[in-house]
Amino acid sequence: MGTGVSARPGRVLGIVVGGLVAIAVAAAIFAALRPATTWDATTPQGTVQAYLSAVVDGDTAKAATYLDPNGPCDVQDLDQAYVVDPRRIDLVSARVDGDAARVEVAVGSSTGGGPLDGLATENHTFRLTRPGQAWFIVGSPWPLQDCRGGVDK
């Protein structure tokens, strides 16, 4: 009789763990399949989203239009940038203070090639300015490390 009683807690634990794994898998699938939010292009979030979409699509000319025209970075810097194909980019936060803004995103890239491999996530902060009606990204934004600093501009 002792064998049946001791096997029952193991079975219950197995069912609980199996249920938790099923919930985790369902949550991961839901998160991966949820539609992307499209931000209004006149907002700092929308400017960063449009810039990142152009970068990921390899349209460096379009991506450069979102950079501060008086800043150190231009299309040639983007042409030379190495971009790891991100699996996911999520808005972390956005803060607007008059004509200046900060937008933080989490860029997730695959840690391997298998279906159960995870995402390596890096947070990147974009600083923006609004000298007129449009927002522009200032500095050397991701994926740029260092720009030419205005050489040949």
N, C-alpha and C. Protein backbone atom coordinates (compact mmCIF):
# COMPACT_ATOMS: atom_id res chain seq x y z
N MET A 1 0.81 -1.21 0.00
CA MET A 1 0.00 0.00 0.00
C MET A 1 0.85 1.26 0.00
N GLY A 2 2.02 1.21 0.57
CA GLY A 2 2.90 2.37 0.62
C GLY A 2 3.35 2.82 -0.76
N THR A 3 3.45 1.92 -1.74
CA THR A 3 3.91 2.28 -3.06
C THR A 3 2.91 3.18 -3.76
N GLY A 4 1.62 2.93 -3.64
CA GLY A 4 0.59 3.74 -4.29
C GLY A 4 0.54 5.14 -3.73
N VAL A 5 0.74 5.29 -2.44
CA VAL A 5 0.68 6.62 -1.82
C VAL A 5 1.88 7.45 -2.22
N SER A 6 3.08 6.87 -2.27
CA SER A 6 4.27 7.64 -2.61
C SER A 6 4.31 8.00 -4.11
N ALA A 7 3.67 7.24 -4.95
CA ALA A 7 3.64 7.53 -6.38
C ALA A 7 2.70 8.68 -6.69
N ARG A 8 1.69 8.87 -5.87
CA ARG A 8 0.69 9.91 -6.13
C ARG A 8 1.31 11.32 -6.08
N PRO A 9 2.15 11.70 -5.11
CA PRO A 9 2.74 13.05 -5.14
C PRO A 9 3.60 13.28 -6.39
N GLY A 10 4.32 12.28 -6.83
CA GLY A 10 5.13 12.41 -8.05
C GLY A 10 4.26 12.64 -9.27
N ARG A 11 3.15 11.95 -9.32
CA ARG A 11 2.23 12.10 -10.44
C ARG A 11 1.60 13.50 -10.42
N VAL A 12 1.22 13.96 -9.24
CA VAL A 12 0.63 15.29 -9.12
C VAL A 12 1.66 16.35 -9.51
N LEU A 13 2.89 16.18 -9.05
CA LEU A 13 3.94 17.12 -9.41
C LEU A 13 4.17 17.13 -10.92
N GLY A 14 4.15 15.96 -11.54
CA GLY A 14 4.31 15.86 -12.99
C GLY A 14 3.19 16.58 -13.72
N ILE A 15 1.97 16.44 -13.23
CA ILE A 15 0.83 17.12 -13.86
C ILE A 15 0.96 18.63 -13.70
N VAL A 16 1.36 19.09 -12.52
CA VAL A 16 1.51 20.53 -12.27
C VAL A 16 2.62 21.10 -13.17
N VAL A 17 3.76 20.42 -13.22
CA VAL A 17 4.87 20.90 -14.05
C VAL A 17 4.45 20.89 -15.52
N GLY A 18 3.79 19.84 -15.97
CA GLY A 18 3.30 19.78 -17.35
C GLY A 18 2.35 20.92 -17.66
N GLY A 19 1.47 21.23 -16.72
CA GLY A 19 0.53 22.34 -16.90
C GLY A 19 1.25 23.67 -17.00
N LEU A 20 2.26 23.88 -16.16
CA LEU A 20 3.03 25.12 -16.20
C LEU A 20 3.79 25.26 -17.51
N VAL A 21 4.35 24.16 -18.00
CA VAL A 21 5.06 24.18 -19.29
C VAL A 21 4.08 24.52 -20.40
N ALA A 22 2.90 23.94 -20.38
CA ALA A 22 1.89 24.22 -21.41
C ALA A 22 1.49 25.69 -21.38
N ILE A 23 1.32 26.27 -20.19
CA ILE A 23 0.98 27.68 -20.07
C ILE A 23 2.11 28.55 -20.61
N ALA A 24 3.35 28.20 -20.29
CA ALA A 24 4.50 28.97 -20.77
C ALA A 24 4.60 28.92 -22.29
N VAL A 25 4.39 27.75 -22.87
CA VAL A 25 4.44 27.61 -24.33
C VAL A 25 3.33 28.43 -24.97
N ALA A 26 2.13 28.36 -24.39
CA ALA A 26 1.00 29.13 -24.94
C ALA A 26 1.29 30.63 -24.86
N ALA A 27 1.86 31.09 -23.74
CA ALA A 27 2.19 32.51 -23.59
C ALA A 27 3.24 32.93 -24.60
N ALA A 28 4.25 32.08 -24.83
CA ALA A 28 5.30 32.40 -25.80
C ALA A 28 4.72 32.49 -27.21
N ILE A 29 3.85 31.58 -27.55
CA ILE A 29 3.23 31.60 -28.88
C ILE A 29 2.36 32.85 -29.03
N PHE A 30 1.59 33.17 -28.01
CA PHE A 30 0.74 34.36 -28.05
C PHE A 30 1.58 35.61 -28.22
N ALA A 31 2.68 35.72 -27.46
CA ALA A 31 3.55 36.89 -27.55
C ALA A 31 4.18 37.01 -28.93
N ALA A 32 4.59 35.88 -29.49
CA ALA A 32 5.25 35.89 -30.80
C ALA A 32 4.28 36.23 -31.92
N LEU A 33 3.03 35.87 -31.76
CA LEU A 33 2.05 36.06 -32.83
C LEU A 33 1.22 37.33 -32.70
N ARG A 34 1.39 38.04 -31.58
CA ARG A 34 0.57 39.25 -31.43
C ARG A 34 0.98 40.27 -32.48
N PRO A 35 0.02 41.01 -32.99
CA PRO A 35 0.33 41.98 -34.04
C PRO A 35 1.18 43.12 -33.49
N ALA A 36 2.05 43.63 -34.33
CA ALA A 36 2.91 44.73 -33.93
C ALA A 36 2.09 46.02 -33.84
N THR A 37 2.42 46.83 -32.86
CA THR A 37 1.79 48.13 -32.73
C THR A 37 2.42 49.07 -33.75
N THR A 38 1.59 49.82 -34.44
CA THR A 38 2.09 50.81 -35.38
C THR A 38 1.89 52.18 -34.74
N TRP A 39 2.99 52.88 -34.54
CA TRP A 39 2.94 54.19 -33.91
C TRP A 39 2.77 55.28 -34.96
N ASP A 40 2.12 56.34 -34.58
CA ASP A 40 1.94 57.50 -35.45
C ASP A 40 3.33 58.06 -35.79
N ALA A 41 3.59 58.26 -37.07
CA ALA A 41 4.90 58.70 -37.53
C ALA A 41 5.28 60.09 -37.03
N THR A 42 4.31 60.85 -36.52
CA THR A 42 4.62 62.20 -36.01
C THR A 42 5.04 62.19 -34.55
N THR A 43 5.14 61.00 -33.96
CA THR A 43 5.56 60.87 -32.56
C THR A 43 7.01 60.37 -32.51
N PRO A 44 7.68 60.56 -31.39
CA PRO A 44 9.03 60.01 -31.26
C PRO A 44 9.05 58.48 -31.44
N GLN A 45 8.05 57.79 -30.88
CA GLN A 45 7.97 56.34 -31.03
C GLN A 45 7.82 55.95 -32.49
N GLY A 46 6.99 56.69 -33.22
CA GLY A 46 6.77 56.41 -34.64
C GLY A 46 8.01 56.68 -35.47
N THR A 47 8.76 57.71 -35.11
CA THR A 47 10.00 58.02 -35.82
C THR A 47 11.01 56.90 -35.62
N VAL A 48 11.16 56.45 -34.38
CA VAL A 48 12.10 55.35 -34.10
C VAL A 48 11.63 54.08 -34.78
N GLN A 49 10.33 53.81 -34.76
CA GLN A 49 9.80 52.61 -35.41
C GLN A 49 10.07 52.64 -36.91
N ALA A 50 9.83 53.77 -37.55
CA ALA A 50 10.06 53.90 -38.99
C ALA A 50 11.55 53.75 -39.31
N TYR A 51 12.40 54.35 -38.48
CA TYR A 51 13.86 54.23 -38.67
C TYR A 51 14.29 52.77 -38.56
N LEU A 52 13.85 52.10 -37.51
CA LEU A 52 14.24 50.70 -37.30
C LEU A 52 13.69 49.79 -38.40
N SER A 53 12.48 50.04 -38.85
CA SER A 53 11.92 49.25 -39.95
C SER A 53 12.77 49.39 -41.20
N ALA A 54 13.18 50.61 -41.51
CA ALA A 54 14.01 50.85 -42.68
C ALA A 54 15.38 50.19 -42.52
N VAL A 55 15.96 50.27 -41.32
CA VAL A 55 17.26 49.64 -41.07
C VAL A 55 17.16 48.13 -41.26
N VAL A 56 16.16 47.51 -40.65
CA VAL A 56 16.00 46.05 -40.75
C VAL A 56 15.72 45.63 -42.19
N ASP A 57 14.98 46.45 -42.93
CA ASP A 57 14.68 46.14 -44.34
C ASP A 57 15.87 46.42 -45.26
N GLY A 58 16.92 47.01 -44.74
CA GLY A 58 18.09 47.32 -45.56
C GLY A 58 17.94 48.58 -46.40
N ASP A 59 16.92 49.38 -46.12
CA ASP A 59 16.69 50.62 -46.86
C ASP A 59 17.40 51.76 -46.13
N THR A 60 18.72 51.82 -46.32
CA THR A 60 19.52 52.79 -45.59
C THR A 60 19.21 54.23 -46.00
N ALA A 61 18.84 54.44 -47.24
CA ALA A 61 18.49 55.79 -47.68
C ALA A 61 17.26 56.30 -46.92
N LYS A 62 16.27 55.45 -46.77
CA LYS A 62 15.08 55.84 -46.02
C LYS A 62 15.40 56.01 -44.53
N ALA A 63 16.19 55.09 -43.98
CA ALA A 63 16.56 55.18 -42.55
C ALA A 63 17.27 56.49 -42.27
N ALA A 64 18.13 56.93 -43.18
CA ALA A 64 18.89 58.16 -42.98
C ALA A 64 18.01 59.40 -42.90
N THR A 65 16.80 59.34 -43.48
CA THR A 65 15.90 60.50 -43.43
C THR A 65 15.40 60.78 -42.02
N TYR A 66 15.53 59.80 -41.12
CA TYR A 66 15.08 59.98 -39.74
C TYR A 66 16.20 60.45 -38.83
N LEU A 67 17.42 60.57 -39.38
CA LEU A 67 18.56 61.04 -38.60
C LEU A 67 18.64 62.56 -38.67
N ASP A 68 19.14 63.16 -37.61
CA ASP A 68 19.34 64.60 -37.56
C ASP A 68 20.23 65.03 -38.73
N PRO A 69 19.73 65.88 -39.63
CA PRO A 69 20.54 66.28 -40.78
C PRO A 69 21.82 67.02 -40.38
N ASN A 70 21.86 67.58 -39.19
CA ASN A 70 23.05 68.28 -38.71
C ASN A 70 23.91 67.38 -37.82
N GLY A 71 23.53 66.12 -37.70
CA GLY A 71 24.25 65.20 -36.83
C GLY A 71 25.42 64.53 -37.53
N PRO A 72 26.14 63.69 -36.78
CA PRO A 72 27.34 63.05 -37.32
C PRO A 72 27.06 61.86 -38.24
N CYS A 73 25.86 61.32 -38.22
CA CYS A 73 25.57 60.09 -38.97
C CYS A 73 24.82 60.38 -40.26
N ASP A 74 25.12 59.58 -41.28
CA ASP A 74 24.42 59.72 -42.55
C ASP A 74 24.26 58.35 -43.20
N VAL A 75 23.76 58.35 -44.42
CA VAL A 75 23.45 57.10 -45.12
C VAL A 75 24.70 56.24 -45.30
N GLN A 76 25.86 56.85 -45.51
CA GLN A 76 27.09 56.06 -45.68
C GLN A 76 27.44 55.30 -44.42
N ASP A 77 27.18 55.90 -43.26
CA ASP A 77 27.41 55.19 -42.00
C ASP A 77 26.47 53.99 -41.90
N LEU A 78 25.22 54.20 -42.29
CA LEU A 78 24.25 53.10 -42.25
C LEU A 78 24.62 52.00 -43.25
N ASP A 79 25.15 52.40 -44.41
CA ASP A 79 25.58 51.40 -45.40
C ASP A 79 26.66 50.47 -44.84
N GLN A 80 27.48 50.98 -43.95
CA GLN A 80 28.59 50.21 -43.40
C GLN A 80 28.24 49.50 -42.09
N ALA A 81 27.07 49.74 -41.55
CA ALA A 81 26.69 49.16 -40.26
C ALA A 81 26.35 47.68 -40.41
N TYR A 82 26.68 46.91 -39.39
CA TYR A 82 26.33 45.50 -39.35
C TYR A 82 25.06 45.37 -38.52
N VAL A 83 24.04 44.79 -39.11
CA VAL A 83 22.76 44.64 -38.42
C VAL A 83 22.46 43.16 -38.27
N VAL A 84 22.37 42.71 -37.02
CA VAL A 84 21.92 41.35 -36.75
C VAL A 84 20.42 41.36 -36.97
N ASP A 85 19.93 40.42 -37.74
CA ASP A 85 18.50 40.38 -38.05
C ASP A 85 17.71 40.14 -36.76
N PRO A 86 17.08 41.18 -36.23
CA PRO A 86 16.35 41.00 -34.97
C PRO A 86 15.07 40.21 -35.18
N ARG A 87 14.77 39.36 -34.21
CA ARG A 87 13.52 38.61 -34.27
C ARG A 87 12.38 39.44 -33.71
N ARG A 88 12.74 40.41 -32.89
CA ARG A 88 11.70 41.19 -32.23
C ARG A 88 12.29 42.50 -31.74
N ILE A 89 11.54 43.58 -31.89
CA ILE A 89 11.91 44.88 -31.33
C ILE A 89 10.68 45.39 -30.59
N ASP A 90 10.86 45.68 -29.31
CA ASP A 90 9.74 46.13 -28.48
C ASP A 90 10.03 47.50 -27.88
N LEU A 91 9.00 48.33 -27.81
CA LEU A 91 9.11 49.60 -27.12
C LEU A 91 9.17 49.34 -25.62
N VAL A 92 10.18 49.89 -24.96
CA VAL A 92 10.30 49.75 -23.50
C VAL A 92 9.72 50.98 -22.84
N SER A 93 10.13 52.16 -23.31
CA SER A 93 9.61 53.40 -22.72
C SER A 93 9.80 54.55 -23.69
N ALA A 94 9.05 55.60 -23.45
CA ALA A 94 9.19 56.83 -24.23
C ALA A 94 8.90 58.00 -23.31
N ARG A 95 9.74 59.01 -23.41
CA ARG A 95 9.56 60.21 -22.59
C ARG A 95 9.78 61.43 -23.46
N VAL A 96 8.82 62.33 -23.45
CA VAL A 96 8.91 63.56 -24.23
C VAL A 96 8.98 64.73 -23.25
N ASP A 97 9.95 65.62 -23.51
CA ASP A 97 10.11 66.82 -22.70
C ASP A 97 10.27 68.00 -23.67
N GLY A 98 9.14 68.58 -24.05
CA GLY A 98 9.16 69.68 -25.01
C GLY A 98 9.57 69.19 -26.38
N ASP A 99 10.68 69.72 -26.90
CA ASP A 99 11.17 69.34 -28.22
C ASP A 99 12.30 68.32 -28.15
N ALA A 100 12.40 67.63 -27.03
CA ALA A 100 13.38 66.55 -26.87
C ALA A 100 12.65 65.30 -26.39
N ALA A 101 13.16 64.15 -26.80
CA ALA A 101 12.51 62.90 -26.41
C ALA A 101 13.57 61.80 -26.28
N ARG A 102 13.22 60.79 -25.49
CA ARG A 102 14.02 59.58 -25.35
C ARG A 102 13.10 58.40 -25.55
N VAL A 103 13.52 57.50 -26.42
CA VAL A 103 12.74 56.28 -26.68
C VAL A 103 13.68 55.11 -26.46
N GLU A 104 13.27 54.19 -25.59
CA GLU A 104 14.07 53.01 -25.32
C GLU A 104 13.38 51.80 -25.92
N VAL A 105 14.15 50.98 -26.64
CA VAL A 105 13.62 49.76 -27.24
C VAL A 105 14.46 48.57 -26.80
N ALA A 106 13.84 47.40 -26.84
CA ALA A 106 14.54 46.14 -26.58
C ALA A 106 14.63 45.41 -27.91
N VAL A 107 15.85 45.11 -28.32
CA VAL A 107 16.09 44.42 -29.58
C VAL A 107 16.45 42.98 -29.24
N GLY A 108 15.62 42.05 -29.69
CA GLY A 108 15.85 40.64 -29.42
C GLY A 108 16.35 39.92 -30.65
N SER A 109 17.48 39.24 -30.50
CA SER A 109 18.01 38.43 -31.61
C SER A 109 18.18 37.00 -31.12
N SER A 110 18.12 36.07 -32.03
CA SER A 110 18.18 34.65 -31.71
C SER A 110 19.55 34.29 -31.15
N THR A 111 19.54 33.40 -30.13
CA THR A 111 20.80 32.93 -29.56
C THR A 111 21.28 31.67 -30.24
N GLY A 112 20.57 31.20 -31.22
CA GLY A 112 20.97 29.99 -31.94
C GLY A 112 19.99 29.71 -33.06
N GLY A 113 20.10 28.53 -33.64
CA GLY A 113 19.26 28.22 -34.77
C GLY A 113 18.11 27.28 -34.47
N GLY A 114 18.01 26.78 -33.25
CA GLY A 114 16.98 25.82 -32.93
C GLY A 114 15.67 26.44 -32.51
N PRO A 115 14.60 25.67 -32.58
CA PRO A 115 13.28 26.21 -32.23
C PRO A 115 13.13 26.53 -30.74
N LEU A 116 13.95 25.93 -29.90
CA LEU A 116 13.84 26.18 -28.47
C LEU A 116 14.89 27.15 -27.97
N ASP A 117 15.70 27.69 -28.89
CA ASP A 117 16.70 28.66 -28.48
C ASP A 117 16.00 29.94 -28.08
N GLY A 118 16.63 30.69 -27.21
CA GLY A 118 16.03 31.91 -26.70
C GLY A 118 16.45 33.14 -27.48
N LEU A 119 16.07 34.27 -26.92
CA LEU A 119 16.43 35.56 -27.50
C LEU A 119 17.45 36.24 -26.60
N ALA A 120 18.45 36.80 -27.20
CA ALA A 120 19.37 37.67 -26.48
C ALA A 120 18.83 39.08 -26.69
N THR A 121 18.53 39.77 -25.61
CA THR A 121 17.91 41.08 -25.72
C THR A 121 18.87 42.18 -25.28
N GLU A 122 18.93 43.22 -26.08
CA GLU A 122 19.72 44.41 -25.75
C GLU A 122 18.79 45.61 -25.77
N ASN A 123 18.92 46.48 -24.77
CA ASN A 123 18.15 47.71 -24.76
C ASN A 123 18.98 48.82 -25.39
N HIS A 124 18.31 49.64 -26.19
CA HIS A 124 18.96 50.77 -26.86
C HIS A 124 18.10 52.01 -26.66
N THR A 125 18.74 53.12 -26.33
CA THR A 125 18.04 54.38 -26.13
C THR A 125 18.29 55.29 -27.32
N PHE A 126 17.22 55.82 -27.85
CA PHE A 126 17.28 56.77 -28.96
C PHE A 126 16.92 58.14 -28.40
N ARG A 127 17.74 59.11 -28.72
CA ARG A 127 17.46 60.49 -28.34
C ARG A 127 16.97 61.22 -29.60
N LEU A 128 15.94 62.01 -29.42
CA LEU A 128 15.34 62.70 -30.56
C LEU A 128 15.20 64.18 -30.25
N THR A 129 15.15 64.96 -31.32
CA THR A 129 14.90 66.38 -31.22
C THR A 129 13.87 66.76 -32.27
N ARG A 130 13.15 67.84 -31.97
CA ARG A 130 12.13 68.31 -32.90
C ARG A 130 12.39 69.80 -33.17
N PRO A 131 13.22 70.07 -34.20
CA PRO A 131 13.52 71.47 -34.51
C PRO A 131 12.36 72.19 -35.21
N GLY A 132 11.44 71.44 -35.76
CA GLY A 132 10.26 72.02 -36.44
C GLY A 132 9.07 71.12 -36.17
N GLN A 133 8.50 70.57 -37.23
CA GLN A 133 7.34 69.69 -37.09
C GLN A 133 7.72 68.22 -36.94
N ALA A 134 8.88 67.83 -37.44
CA ALA A 134 9.27 66.42 -37.46
C ALA A 134 10.30 66.11 -36.37
N TRP A 135 10.30 64.87 -35.92
CA TRP A 135 11.28 64.38 -34.95
C TRP A 135 12.46 63.79 -35.71
N PHE A 136 13.66 64.02 -35.20
CA PHE A 136 14.88 63.45 -35.77
C PHE A 136 15.70 62.79 -34.68
N ILE A 137 16.33 61.69 -35.03
CA ILE A 137 17.18 60.94 -34.11
C ILE A 137 18.55 61.59 -34.10
N VAL A 138 19.08 61.87 -32.91
CA VAL A 138 20.38 62.53 -32.78
C VAL A 138 21.42 61.53 -32.28
N GLY A 139 22.69 61.90 -32.47
CA GLY A 139 23.78 61.05 -32.01
C GLY A 139 24.06 59.91 -32.96
N SER A 140 24.58 58.81 -32.40
CA SER A 140 24.89 57.60 -33.17
C SER A 140 23.96 56.48 -32.71
N PRO A 141 22.77 56.39 -33.30
CA PRO A 141 21.78 55.41 -32.83
C PRO A 141 22.12 53.99 -33.28
N TRP A 142 21.56 53.02 -32.58
CA TRP A 142 21.72 51.61 -32.97
C TRP A 142 21.26 51.45 -34.41
N PRO A 143 21.91 50.73 -35.23
CA PRO A 143 23.04 49.85 -35.00
C PRO A 143 24.40 50.53 -35.19
N LEU A 144 24.41 51.84 -35.32
CA LEU A 144 25.67 52.55 -35.52
C LEU A 144 26.44 52.62 -34.21
N GLN A 145 27.72 52.41 -34.30
CA GLN A 145 28.58 52.50 -33.13
C GLN A 145 29.24 53.87 -33.06
N ASP A 146 29.76 54.27 -34.20
CA ASP A 146 30.47 55.54 -34.26
C ASP A 146 30.34 56.05 -35.69
N CYS A 147 29.94 57.27 -35.83
CA CYS A 147 29.77 57.82 -37.17
C CYS A 147 31.01 58.61 -37.56
N ARG A 148 31.05 58.97 -38.83
CA ARG A 148 32.21 59.63 -39.40
C ARG A 148 32.42 61.02 -38.84
N GLY A 149 31.47 61.53 -38.11
CA GLY A 149 31.65 62.84 -37.49
C GLY A 149 31.63 64.01 -38.47
N GLY A 150 30.88 63.86 -39.54
CA GLY A 150 30.72 64.97 -40.48
C GLY A 150 31.77 65.01 -41.57
N VAL A 151 32.62 64.00 -41.71
CA VAL A 151 33.61 63.97 -42.78
C VAL A 151 32.88 63.97 -44.13
N ASP A 152 33.30 64.80 -45.03
CA ASP A 152 32.72 64.91 -46.37
C ASP A 152 31.27 65.35 -46.35
N LYS A 153 30.87 66.06 -45.37
CA LYS A 153 29.48 66.55 -45.33
C LYS A 153 29.43 67.98 -45.80
